[in-house]
Protein backbone atom coordinates (compact mmCIF):
# COMPACT_ATOMS: atom_id res chain seq x y z
CA MET A 1 -17.93 -110.30 -78.67
CA PHE A 2 -15.98 -107.16 -76.60
CA LEU A 3 -19.05 -105.52 -76.55
CA ASP A 4 -22.68 -106.40 -75.97
CA GLU A 5 -24.30 -106.67 -79.65
CA ARG A 6 -27.15 -104.19 -77.96
CA ILE A 7 -24.55 -101.50 -77.17
CA VAL A 8 -23.26 -101.94 -80.67
CA THR A 9 -26.84 -101.45 -82.19
CA LEU A 10 -27.40 -98.69 -79.54
CA PHE A 11 -24.61 -96.70 -80.83
CA LYS A 12 -25.28 -97.45 -84.91
CA ARG A 13 -28.75 -96.33 -84.56
CA ASN A 14 -27.28 -93.08 -82.60
CA ALA A 15 -23.88 -92.85 -84.55
CA HIS A 16 -24.39 -89.38 -85.98
CA HIS A 17 -25.83 -87.67 -82.73
CA THR A 18 -22.85 -89.36 -80.71
CA LEU A 19 -20.36 -88.68 -82.98
CA THR A 20 -21.11 -84.82 -83.42
CA TYR A 21 -21.31 -84.82 -79.64
CA TRP A 22 -17.93 -86.56 -79.26
CA SER A 23 -16.46 -83.69 -81.77
CA VAL A 24 -17.84 -80.67 -79.64
CA PHE A 25 -15.56 -82.31 -76.83
CA PHE A 26 -12.48 -82.02 -79.11
CA SER A 27 -13.32 -77.83 -79.16
CA PHE A 28 -13.62 -78.00 -75.27
CA GLY A 29 -10.22 -80.05 -74.88
CA LEU A 30 -8.47 -77.45 -77.32
CA CYS A 31 -9.77 -74.27 -75.58
CA ILE A 32 -9.29 -75.97 -71.58
CA ALA A 33 -5.43 -76.80 -72.01
CA PHE A 34 -3.31 -73.88 -73.75
CA LEU A 35 -3.20 -71.64 -71.23
CA GLY A 36 -0.76 -73.74 -68.79
CA PRO A 37 1.94 -73.72 -71.43
CA THR A 38 1.43 -70.29 -72.89
CA ILE A 39 0.93 -68.32 -69.63
CA LEU A 40 4.11 -66.84 -69.68
CA ASP A 41 3.92 -65.75 -73.04
CA LEU A 42 0.52 -64.48 -72.66
CA GLN A 43 1.87 -62.57 -69.94
CA CYS A 44 4.89 -61.06 -71.77
CA GLN A 45 1.99 -60.10 -74.45
CA THR A 46 0.07 -58.47 -72.00
CA ASN A 47 2.81 -56.87 -70.06
CA SER A 48 1.17 -58.16 -66.58
CA THR A 49 2.53 -59.79 -63.60
CA LEU A 50 2.42 -63.56 -62.92
CA SER A 51 -0.63 -62.79 -60.18
CA GLN A 52 -2.28 -60.61 -62.84
CA ILE A 53 -2.20 -63.32 -65.36
CA THR A 54 -3.65 -65.80 -62.92
CA TRP A 55 -7.23 -63.91 -62.99
CA VAL A 56 -7.45 -65.07 -66.59
CA PHE A 57 -8.16 -68.37 -65.52
CA PHE A 58 -10.60 -67.30 -63.03
CA ALA A 59 -12.41 -65.18 -66.10
CA GLN A 60 -12.55 -68.67 -67.92
CA GLN A 61 -13.43 -71.08 -64.99
CA PHE A 62 -16.50 -68.62 -63.72
CA CYS A 63 -17.77 -67.79 -67.36
CA LEU A 64 -17.67 -71.37 -67.84
CA LEU A 65 -19.74 -72.23 -64.43
CA ILE A 66 -22.33 -69.96 -65.71
CA GLY A 67 -22.56 -71.29 -69.05
CA SER A 68 -22.80 -74.92 -67.33
CA SER A 69 -25.48 -73.74 -65.04
CA ILE A 70 -28.08 -72.00 -67.86
CA ALA A 71 -27.32 -74.38 -70.58
CA GLY A 72 -30.44 -76.82 -69.90
CA VAL A 73 -32.79 -74.07 -71.06
CA PHE A 74 -31.34 -74.86 -74.64
CA GLU A 75 -32.21 -78.75 -73.80
CA LYS A 76 -35.97 -78.18 -74.66
CA THR A 77 -35.89 -79.01 -78.08
CA LEU A 78 -33.28 -80.83 -80.17
CA PHE A 79 -33.21 -77.58 -82.65
CA ARG A 80 -32.09 -75.38 -79.59
CA ALA A 81 -29.45 -77.70 -77.92
CA LEU A 82 -27.80 -78.49 -81.66
CA SER A 83 -27.76 -74.21 -82.46
CA ALA A 84 -26.22 -73.74 -79.09
CA LEU A 85 -23.40 -75.94 -79.41
CA PHE A 86 -22.73 -74.82 -83.23
CA VAL A 87 -22.62 -71.39 -81.91
CA SER A 88 -20.01 -72.14 -79.17
CA ALA A 89 -17.85 -74.42 -81.08
CA LEU A 90 -17.76 -71.48 -83.65
CA THR A 91 -17.31 -69.02 -80.69
CA ILE A 92 -13.82 -70.80 -79.81
CA SER A 93 -12.66 -70.86 -83.15
CA ILE A 94 -13.07 -67.23 -83.21
CA ILE A 95 -11.64 -66.78 -79.79
CA PHE A 96 -8.71 -68.46 -80.72
CA ALA A 97 -8.05 -66.14 -83.70
CA ILE A 98 -8.23 -62.88 -81.60
CA ILE A 99 -6.66 -64.15 -78.43
CA PRO A 100 -2.86 -62.65 -80.51
CA VAL A 101 -4.19 -59.11 -80.72
CA CYS A 102 -5.22 -58.97 -77.00
CA ASN A 103 -2.24 -56.61 -75.92
CA ASN A 104 -3.66 -56.18 -72.04
CA VAL A 105 -4.62 -58.64 -69.65
CA LEU A 106 -8.33 -57.03 -69.49
CA MET A 107 -8.84 -58.02 -73.29
CA LEU A 108 -7.70 -61.53 -72.52
CA ALA A 109 -9.52 -62.14 -69.52
CA ILE A 110 -12.93 -61.19 -71.82
CA ALA A 111 -11.86 -63.20 -74.71
CA MET A 112 -11.34 -66.25 -72.65
CA ALA A 113 -14.65 -65.28 -70.17
CA VAL A 114 -16.37 -66.01 -73.58
CA SER A 115 -14.58 -68.75 -74.80
CA GLY A 116 -15.83 -70.10 -71.30
CA PHE A 117 -19.18 -69.68 -71.37
CA ALA A 118 -19.34 -71.42 -74.72
CA MET A 119 -17.17 -74.20 -73.11
CA GLY A 120 -19.83 -74.75 -70.20
CA ILE A 121 -22.62 -74.64 -72.94
CA ILE A 122 -20.78 -77.79 -74.99
CA ASP A 123 -20.24 -79.45 -71.27
CA THR A 124 -23.62 -79.28 -70.07
CA ILE A 125 -25.66 -80.01 -73.38
CA ALA A 126 -23.14 -82.78 -74.74
CA ASN A 127 -23.23 -84.93 -71.56
CA ILE A 128 -27.35 -84.56 -70.87
CA GLN A 129 -27.99 -85.55 -74.72
CA LEU A 130 -25.68 -88.94 -74.35
CA VAL A 131 -27.20 -89.54 -71.14
CA THR A 132 -30.45 -88.88 -72.54
CA ILE A 133 -29.76 -91.09 -75.33
CA TYR A 134 -28.26 -94.26 -73.80
CA GLN A 135 -29.60 -94.00 -70.61
CA ARG A 136 -28.25 -97.20 -68.24
CA ASP A 137 -26.05 -97.76 -71.16
CA SER A 138 -24.29 -94.43 -70.96
CA ALA A 139 -21.39 -95.10 -68.77
CA VAL A 140 -19.11 -96.68 -72.20
CA PHE A 141 -20.26 -93.80 -74.29
CA LEU A 142 -19.84 -90.70 -71.36
CA GLN A 143 -16.25 -92.21 -71.26
CA ALA A 144 -15.85 -91.94 -74.96
CA LEU A 145 -17.25 -88.47 -74.95
CA HIS A 146 -14.61 -87.30 -72.32
CA PHE A 147 -11.75 -88.95 -74.30
CA PHE A 148 -12.23 -86.34 -76.89
CA ILE A 149 -11.85 -83.60 -74.02
CA GLY A 150 -8.38 -85.25 -73.32
CA PHE A 151 -7.56 -85.64 -77.22
CA GLY A 152 -8.23 -82.11 -77.88
CA ALA A 153 -5.99 -81.27 -74.51
CA LEU A 154 -3.12 -83.19 -76.03
CA VAL A 155 -3.46 -81.51 -79.37
CA SER A 156 -3.29 -77.91 -77.94
CA PRO A 157 -0.03 -78.02 -75.88
CA LEU A 158 1.80 -80.03 -78.76
CA ILE A 159 0.35 -77.24 -81.35
CA ALA A 160 1.83 -74.20 -79.03
CA ASP A 161 5.18 -76.26 -77.87
CA PRO A 162 7.14 -75.12 -81.15
CA PHE A 163 5.98 -71.66 -80.68
CA LEU A 164 6.63 -70.71 -77.10
CA SER A 165 9.74 -68.62 -76.78
CA GLU A 166 13.00 -69.65 -75.30
CA THR A 167 14.10 -66.22 -73.78
CA GLY A 168 11.17 -63.88 -74.12
CA CYS A 169 9.00 -62.68 -76.55
CA GLY A 170 9.31 -58.99 -77.83
CA ASN A 171 6.78 -56.44 -77.21
CA HIS A 172 8.93 -53.09 -76.93
CA THR A 173 8.00 -50.17 -75.15
CA GLY A 174 9.92 -47.08 -74.20
CA ASN A 175 10.29 -47.41 -70.53
CA ALA A 176 11.59 -51.42 -70.92
CA THR A 177 13.92 -52.21 -67.78
CA GLU A 178 13.62 -55.61 -67.62
CA THR A 179 13.67 -58.42 -69.57
CA THR A 180 12.09 -62.03 -70.11
CA ASP A 181 15.65 -63.69 -69.06
CA HIS A 182 15.67 -61.83 -65.81
CA LEU A 183 12.18 -63.10 -64.90
CA ARG A 184 13.12 -66.85 -65.86
CA ASN A 185 16.37 -66.21 -63.41
CA MET A 186 14.12 -65.56 -60.81
CA LEU A 187 11.91 -68.54 -61.23
CA LYS A 188 15.13 -70.22 -60.90
CA ASN A 189 17.20 -68.98 -58.79
CA SER A 190 14.60 -67.51 -56.09
CA PRO A 191 11.50 -68.00 -54.31
CA ILE A 192 8.22 -67.17 -56.29
CA ALA A 193 7.27 -65.54 -53.03
CA GLY A 194 10.04 -63.00 -52.47
CA HIS A 195 9.34 -60.93 -56.30
CA ASP A 196 6.58 -59.13 -57.62
CA ILE A 197 7.30 -61.12 -60.96
CA THR A 198 6.34 -58.53 -63.78
CA GLN A 199 6.76 -59.62 -67.36
CA LEU A 200 8.26 -56.91 -69.22
CA PRO A 201 9.85 -56.76 -72.59
CA HIS A 202 13.30 -57.65 -73.41
CA PRO A 203 15.64 -55.48 -75.25
CA GLU A 204 16.04 -55.19 -78.92
CA GLY A 205 17.60 -58.54 -80.17
CA GLY A 206 15.98 -60.66 -78.08
CA GLU A 207 13.71 -63.52 -78.93
CA GLU A 208 10.51 -62.89 -80.73
CA SER A 209 7.43 -64.81 -79.99
CA ASN A 210 5.45 -66.71 -82.21
CA VAL A 211 2.72 -67.93 -80.27
CA HIS A 212 0.27 -66.38 -82.25
CA TYR A 213 0.73 -68.82 -85.02
CA ALA A 214 -0.08 -71.72 -82.60
CA PHE A 215 -3.46 -69.79 -81.83
CA TRP A 216 -4.34 -69.47 -85.48
CA ILE A 217 -3.51 -72.99 -86.33
CA MET A 218 -6.07 -74.31 -83.49
CA ALA A 219 -8.61 -71.96 -84.82
CA LEU A 220 -8.21 -73.61 -88.15
CA ILE A 221 -8.45 -77.17 -86.59
CA ASN A 222 -11.39 -76.40 -84.61
CA LEU A 223 -13.29 -74.99 -87.98
CA PRO A 224 -14.81 -78.59 -88.55
CA VAL A 225 -16.48 -78.86 -85.39
CA PRO A 226 -19.21 -76.23 -86.12
CA LEU A 227 -19.56 -77.41 -89.59
CA ALA A 228 -20.35 -80.85 -88.21
CA VAL A 229 -22.95 -79.67 -86.02
CA LEU A 230 -24.40 -77.71 -88.96
CA PHE A 231 -24.41 -81.08 -90.81
CA LEU A 232 -26.46 -82.81 -88.43
CA MET A 233 -29.05 -80.00 -87.98
CA TYR A 234 -29.22 -80.44 -91.87
CA ARG A 235 -29.87 -84.06 -91.71
CA GLU A 236 -32.47 -83.99 -88.95
CA GLN A 237 -33.88 -81.02 -90.98
CA LEU A 238 -33.57 -78.58 -88.26
CA ILE A 239 -32.79 -75.45 -90.87
CA PRO A 240 -35.36 -73.46 -91.91
CA PHE A 241 -34.34 -71.87 -94.92
CA CYS A 242 -32.41 -75.52 -96.49
CA PRO A 243 -34.24 -78.26 -96.49
CA SER A 244 -32.62 -81.55 -96.59
CA GLY A 245 -33.43 -84.86 -98.26
CA THR A 246 -35.42 -87.68 -97.25
CA PRO A 247 -34.59 -89.09 -94.08
CA ARG A 248 -32.76 -92.65 -94.22
CA LEU A 249 -34.75 -95.73 -93.67
CA LEU A 250 -34.28 -97.82 -90.61
CA ASP A 251 -32.98 -101.32 -91.05
CA LYS A 252 -35.09 -104.34 -89.65
CA ASP A 253 -32.88 -104.29 -86.56
CA GLU A 254 -33.16 -100.73 -85.91
CA LEU A 255 -37.09 -100.50 -86.66
CA ALA A 256 -37.72 -103.58 -84.07
CA MET A 257 -35.67 -101.44 -81.33
CA GLU A 258 -37.11 -98.56 -82.28
CA ASN A 259 -40.77 -99.93 -81.79
CA GLN A 260 -39.31 -102.01 -78.44
CA GLN A 261 -38.07 -98.66 -76.94
CA GLY A 262 -41.37 -96.43 -77.87
CA ALA A 263 -43.45 -97.28 -74.91
CA GLU A 264 -40.02 -97.34 -72.78
CA GLY A 265 -39.50 -93.63 -74.14
CA THR A 266 -43.02 -92.78 -73.31
CA ASP A 267 -42.34 -93.63 -69.52
CA VAL A 268 -38.95 -91.98 -69.02
CA GLU A 269 -40.46 -88.61 -70.77
CA GLN A 270 -43.34 -89.12 -68.51
CA LYS A 271 -40.65 -89.70 -65.36
CA GLU A 272 -38.37 -86.38 -66.54
CA HIS A 273 -41.88 -84.38 -66.49
CA GLU A 274 -42.57 -85.09 -63.31
CA ALA A 275 -38.94 -85.02 -61.81
CA GLY A 276 -37.99 -81.93 -63.71
CA GLY A 277 -36.03 -83.87 -66.16
CA HIS A 278 -32.44 -82.68 -67.15
CA GLY A 279 -32.92 -79.13 -66.95
CA ASP A 280 -30.71 -76.28 -65.85
CA ILE A 281 -29.69 -75.74 -62.26
CA PHE A 282 -32.30 -73.34 -61.65
CA SER A 283 -35.15 -75.02 -62.63
CA CYS A 284 -34.08 -78.39 -60.69
CA CYS A 285 -34.03 -75.93 -57.54
CA ARG A 286 -37.48 -74.95 -58.64
CA ASN A 287 -38.97 -78.25 -58.82
CA ASP A 288 -41.73 -78.89 -56.43
CA ASN A 289 -41.83 -82.61 -56.24
CA LEU A 290 -38.75 -82.09 -54.58
CA SER A 291 -40.55 -81.36 -51.33
CA GLY A 292 -41.68 -85.03 -51.26
CA MET A 293 -37.81 -86.55 -51.30
CA PRO A 294 -35.54 -87.90 -49.00
CA VAL A 295 -32.32 -86.36 -47.53
CA SER A 296 -30.60 -89.17 -49.08
CA PHE A 297 -31.71 -87.72 -52.73
CA PHE A 298 -30.20 -84.23 -51.86
CA MET A 299 -26.92 -85.87 -50.14
CA ILE A 300 -26.26 -87.39 -53.35
CA HIS A 301 -26.36 -84.45 -55.55
CA ILE A 302 -24.32 -82.42 -53.09
CA LEU A 303 -21.66 -85.24 -52.13
CA GLY A 304 -21.63 -85.98 -55.89
CA GLY A 305 -20.84 -82.31 -56.99
CA GLY A 306 -18.27 -82.25 -53.98
CA VAL A 307 -16.16 -85.05 -55.27
CA LEU A 308 -16.01 -83.52 -58.57
CA PHE A 309 -15.57 -80.43 -57.54
CA MET A 310 -11.80 -81.27 -55.92
CA THR A 311 -11.12 -83.63 -58.56
CA ASP A 312 -12.11 -81.47 -61.27
CA GLY A 313 -10.46 -78.80 -59.14
CA ILE A 314 -7.00 -80.67 -59.36
CA VAL A 315 -7.07 -81.67 -63.24
CA GLY A 316 -7.60 -77.49 -63.77
CA ALA A 317 -4.85 -76.45 -61.28
CA TYR A 318 -2.44 -79.06 -62.50
CA ALA A 319 -2.61 -78.70 -66.07
CA GLY A 320 -2.67 -74.92 -65.44
CA PHE A 321 0.23 -74.69 -63.14
CA VAL A 322 2.50 -77.29 -63.63
CA TYR A 323 4.74 -75.44 -66.38
CA THR A 324 4.87 -72.82 -63.94
CA TYR A 325 5.86 -75.38 -61.04
CA GLY A 326 8.31 -77.40 -63.28
CA VAL A 327 10.55 -74.29 -64.40
CA SER A 328 10.61 -72.83 -60.49
CA PRO A 329 13.38 -74.21 -58.32
CA PRO A 330 13.94 -76.39 -56.79
CA LEU A 331 13.52 -78.25 -60.05
CA SER A 332 14.33 -75.21 -62.64
CA LEU A 333 13.60 -77.32 -65.82
CA PRO A 334 14.41 -75.58 -69.24
CA ASN A 335 11.25 -74.10 -70.77
CA LYS A 336 11.05 -75.99 -73.47
CA THR A 337 11.15 -79.20 -71.59
CA ALA A 338 8.54 -78.03 -68.53
CA GLY A 339 6.29 -77.45 -71.83
CA TYR A 340 5.93 -80.96 -72.45
CA LEU A 341 4.57 -81.67 -68.67
CA ALA A 342 1.17 -80.11 -69.76
CA SER A 343 1.31 -82.49 -72.73
CA ILE A 344 1.91 -85.61 -70.88
CA PHE A 345 -0.53 -84.59 -68.42
CA TRP A 346 -2.98 -84.46 -71.10
CA ALA A 347 -2.05 -87.49 -72.97
CA ALA A 348 -2.19 -89.54 -69.60
CA ILE A 349 -5.84 -88.54 -69.32
CA THR A 350 -6.37 -89.22 -73.05
CA VAL A 351 -5.03 -92.74 -72.51
CA GLY A 352 -6.77 -93.28 -69.53
CA ARG A 353 -10.23 -92.24 -70.59
CA LEU A 354 -9.63 -94.33 -73.76
CA LEU A 355 -8.74 -97.53 -71.81
CA SER A 356 -12.01 -96.88 -69.29
CA ILE A 357 -13.98 -96.87 -72.15
CA PRO A 358 -13.97 -100.97 -72.13
CA LEU A 359 -13.47 -101.04 -68.52
CA ALA A 360 -16.48 -99.21 -68.13
CA TYR A 361 -18.20 -101.80 -69.75
CA ARG A 362 -16.77 -104.62 -67.74
CA PHE A 363 -16.66 -102.96 -63.97
CA GLN A 364 -19.15 -100.53 -62.18
CA PRO A 365 -18.42 -97.50 -61.97
CA VAL A 366 -18.42 -97.57 -57.94
CA ARG A 367 -15.28 -99.77 -58.04
CA LEU A 368 -13.74 -97.68 -60.73
CA LEU A 369 -14.34 -94.52 -59.01
CA MET A 370 -12.60 -95.98 -55.93
CA PHE A 371 -9.49 -97.43 -57.60
CA SER A 372 -9.03 -93.83 -59.52
CA LEU A 373 -9.39 -91.52 -56.14
CA ALA A 374 -7.26 -93.84 -54.27
CA GLY A 375 -4.43 -93.86 -57.09
CA ALA A 376 -4.91 -89.67 -57.17
CA ILE A 377 -4.37 -89.97 -53.49
CA VAL A 378 -0.84 -92.15 -53.98
CA THR A 379 0.40 -90.41 -56.65
CA CYS A 380 0.35 -86.84 -55.18
CA LEU A 381 1.88 -88.00 -52.26
CA MET A 382 4.55 -89.38 -53.90
CA LEU A 383 4.88 -86.09 -55.84
CA LEU A 384 5.17 -84.55 -52.34
CA ILE A 385 7.92 -87.00 -51.21
CA PHE A 386 9.81 -86.63 -54.34
CA TYR A 387 9.16 -82.94 -54.88
CA ASP A 388 12.52 -81.80 -56.20
CA ASN A 389 13.19 -85.13 -58.40
CA ARG A 390 12.70 -84.07 -62.12
CA PRO A 391 12.42 -87.56 -63.59
CA PHE A 392 9.43 -88.43 -60.95
CA LEU A 393 7.88 -85.14 -61.90
CA PHE A 394 7.63 -86.47 -65.64
CA ALA A 395 6.21 -89.83 -64.37
CA GLY A 396 3.64 -88.75 -61.31
CA THR A 397 2.40 -86.10 -63.95
CA GLY A 398 1.47 -89.14 -66.36
CA LEU A 399 0.25 -91.30 -63.36
CA CYS A 400 -1.91 -88.07 -62.17
CA GLY A 401 -3.38 -87.53 -65.51
CA LEU A 402 -4.32 -91.81 -65.67
CA PHE A 403 -6.00 -91.83 -61.95
CA LEU A 404 -7.65 -88.61 -62.62
CA SER A 405 -8.95 -89.20 -66.04
CA CYS A 406 -12.19 -91.74 -65.68
CA ILE A 407 -13.41 -90.07 -62.51
CA PHE A 408 -15.98 -87.74 -64.14
CA PRO A 409 -17.66 -89.60 -66.38
CA CYS A 410 -18.20 -92.84 -63.91
CA MET A 411 -19.41 -90.12 -61.29
CA LEU A 412 -22.04 -89.03 -64.06
CA ALA A 413 -23.11 -92.32 -65.15
CA TYR A 414 -23.26 -93.51 -61.18
CA THR A 415 -25.12 -90.72 -59.50
CA GLU A 416 -27.50 -90.75 -62.43
CA ASP A 417 -27.81 -94.49 -62.05
CA ILE A 418 -28.71 -94.12 -58.17
CA LEU A 419 -31.28 -91.66 -59.01
CA ASP A 420 -32.90 -93.68 -62.05
CA TYR A 421 -32.54 -90.88 -64.44
CA GLN A 422 -35.09 -88.92 -63.00
CA GLY A 423 -33.47 -85.73 -61.15
CA CYS A 424 -31.04 -83.05 -62.24
CA ALA A 425 -27.78 -85.03 -61.32
CA THR A 426 -25.66 -84.12 -64.83
CA SER A 427 -26.43 -80.35 -64.45
CA VAL A 428 -25.62 -80.41 -60.89
CA LEU A 429 -22.16 -82.27 -61.10
CA VAL A 430 -21.33 -80.36 -64.22
CA THR A 431 -21.61 -77.38 -62.76
CA SER A 432 -19.99 -78.38 -59.69
CA ALA A 433 -16.91 -79.56 -61.88
CA GLY A 434 -16.68 -76.27 -63.07
CA MET A 435 -16.98 -74.43 -59.86
CA GLY A 436 -14.01 -76.58 -58.51
CA GLU A 437 -11.62 -75.88 -61.29
CA MET A 438 -12.43 -71.99 -61.34
CA VAL A 439 -12.01 -72.05 -57.29
CA MET A 440 -8.94 -74.33 -56.86
CA GLN A 441 -7.04 -72.86 -60.09
CA VAL A 442 -7.18 -69.23 -57.89
CA VAL A 443 -6.66 -70.97 -54.73
CA VAL A 444 -3.07 -73.08 -55.91
CA GLY A 445 -1.97 -69.94 -57.84
CA SER A 446 -1.86 -67.56 -55.04
CA ILE A 447 -0.47 -70.31 -52.77
CA ILE A 448 2.04 -71.50 -55.39
CA GLN A 449 3.76 -68.09 -55.03
CA LYS A 450 4.34 -68.99 -51.39
CA GLY A 451 6.94 -71.64 -52.70
CA SER A 452 7.10 -74.46 -55.23
CA TYR A 453 6.48 -77.28 -52.24
CA SER A 454 3.11 -75.83 -51.80
CA PHE A 455 2.04 -76.79 -55.18
CA PRO A 456 2.06 -80.96 -54.54
CA LEU A 457 0.81 -80.26 -50.69
CA CYS A 458 -2.32 -79.04 -52.37
CA GLY A 459 -2.74 -81.68 -54.57
CA VAL A 460 -2.82 -84.22 -51.62
CA VAL A 461 -4.94 -82.16 -49.26
CA ILE A 462 -7.30 -81.67 -52.37
CA ALA A 463 -7.58 -85.52 -53.29
CA CYS A 464 -7.87 -86.47 -49.73
CA ILE A 465 -10.97 -84.32 -49.00
CA GLY A 466 -12.55 -86.01 -52.59
CA PHE A 467 -11.98 -89.19 -51.27
CA ILE A 468 -13.61 -88.67 -47.74
CA LEU A 469 -16.85 -87.06 -49.60
CA PHE A 470 -16.87 -90.07 -51.97
CA ILE A 471 -17.18 -92.43 -48.71
CA ALA A 472 -20.05 -90.12 -47.42
CA LEU A 473 -21.81 -90.95 -50.78
CA LEU A 474 -21.60 -94.52 -50.73
CA LEU A 475 -23.26 -94.29 -47.28
CA PHE A 476 -26.00 -92.30 -48.76
CA SER A 477 -26.76 -93.83 -51.73
CA ARG A 478 -27.12 -97.16 -49.53
CA MET A 479 -29.53 -95.18 -47.61
CA HIS A 480 -31.37 -93.94 -51.05
CA GLN A 481 -31.31 -97.45 -52.13
CA ASN A 482 -32.90 -98.87 -48.64
CA TYR A 483 -35.52 -95.98 -49.06
CA LEU A 484 -36.64 -96.76 -52.62
CA THR A 485 -36.97 -100.12 -51.23
CA GLY A 486 -39.09 -99.08 -48.72
CA THR A 487 -41.27 -97.15 -50.85
CA SER A 488 -41.81 -100.01 -53.38
CA LYS A 489 -42.88 -102.57 -50.80
CA LYS A 490 -45.56 -100.12 -49.52
CA SER A 491 -46.87 -99.36 -52.78
CA THR A 492 -47.44 -103.17 -53.65
CA MET A 493 -48.41 -103.72 -50.18
CA VAL A 494 -51.40 -101.17 -51.12
CA GLU A 495 -52.11 -102.15 -54.57
CA GLU A 496 -52.74 -106.35 -53.31
CA PRO A 497 -55.76 -105.33 -50.90
CA ALA A 498 -57.36 -103.18 -54.16
CA THR A 499 -56.56 -106.10 -56.39
CA GLU A 500 -57.95 -108.79 -53.77
CA GLN A 501 -61.53 -106.47 -53.63
CA ASN A 502 -61.40 -106.42 -57.31
CA GLY A 503 -61.24 -109.78 -57.51
CA SER A 504 -63.61 -110.76 -55.13
CA ALA A 505 -66.40 -108.12 -56.77
CA LYS A 506 -65.75 -109.80 -59.94
CA THR A 507 -66.54 -113.40 -58.56
CA GLU A 508 -69.67 -111.74 -56.68
CA GLN A 509 -70.83 -110.74 -60.20
CA LYS A 510 -70.34 -113.84 -61.80
CA GLU A 511 -72.70 -115.56 -58.98
CA GLU A 512 -75.52 -113.61 -59.14
CA PRO A 513 -76.12 -114.64 -62.49
CA GLU A 514 -76.41 -118.37 -61.40
CA SER A 515 -78.67 -117.71 -58.54
CA SER A 516 -80.92 -116.02 -60.28
């Protein structure tokens, strides 16, 4: 069979939960990708400069980091986890609906900060829930989970693209002296660093922006997601004022697996209790049992988080600024054409994660990580070499998305496997990835104003640093495995003498009646 029968049975047992967690990641993807292609229209809507609108990215990613860091507190019970997912998914729909009425950059930043906080909660809870459910089989399901991020991020730019203004938008004011066309011409004919580009309204008779329709459509598309979470709560009898029907009966296979995993589940819960479990990152830092851990234990968390800091930073920066890079010289793409770059990037991530589902079943995560990181470096280097080639920009964008697509879920499965699902790797990695997207978007957004050539250069540098951190992670993972092997041998040697003493005592007890 294409998949192991055991994997299929596991999925059938947890299908409702798994599909619900996948759906909330669709909301995550919708919210993370729309800023890139709509940034110039939102800049016009808020009458802000390019450098000012860049801080909207920072507001979203900073609150995503906070949400990811504290989301573990909702993992204490299933009711808390599902309630947090319901509120977060509903919040994203509300934010989509109110973005068109944000007429200044401060209001827009606050709205994006709220959405970022909701995204952080979704990111941590959905990842932890799947890791908790599937344990060592989680790699396949994590790949599918992150496929839905790519799917939502693909849908978002496609919805926005028909409503993007070609020549500007029409927020008219009395002192308007510049036009959107002037901004487009400056982007095409001069370095960005030479101008403090302010998006001011264009004169009467110019093109009106219809981007608000795109946000309202995305709000409606996202509405079934919180309803799906609510239905799962109903099925699990977690809504106090709305009792559900009788729970479904397990079939023979499921009942057998339930009995088989009963004792295993108790052991896992005991291990998680001893090691702190998959709590929030602050409770992980307060764990008293960390004092006895080797240096390799901490370095695996730090280096794994560092790799995702770099790679997810590339994803966030590329998705956010590839449109701006495309319309800038020397490429000077038409606005509508450049709008497809973000769609191609997220489409490649979606396809890559879809292909990674069977690959994660066939290959170890470490091999996929090595191949993906090397491919990302080569692609970014080619984008740097052919920085003025329009066709290769589209091809390189697709390749970059393909190679970056499976790094996060593979890293999550790899580190959790090394640490035997006892540590706080999920919380640390999710938080590090969110921090990377936040920091790299601000850094790249500032550097890109020095000249468009710096955009692919940033990608090469960041990817190389990520690869170096991954090599260091491999070394410390080997050290940690040696530590675990030595610890197990010592415990075995201690137990054997005790067993021999007990055996000799039993022999003496048996011989005493014979002598008497």
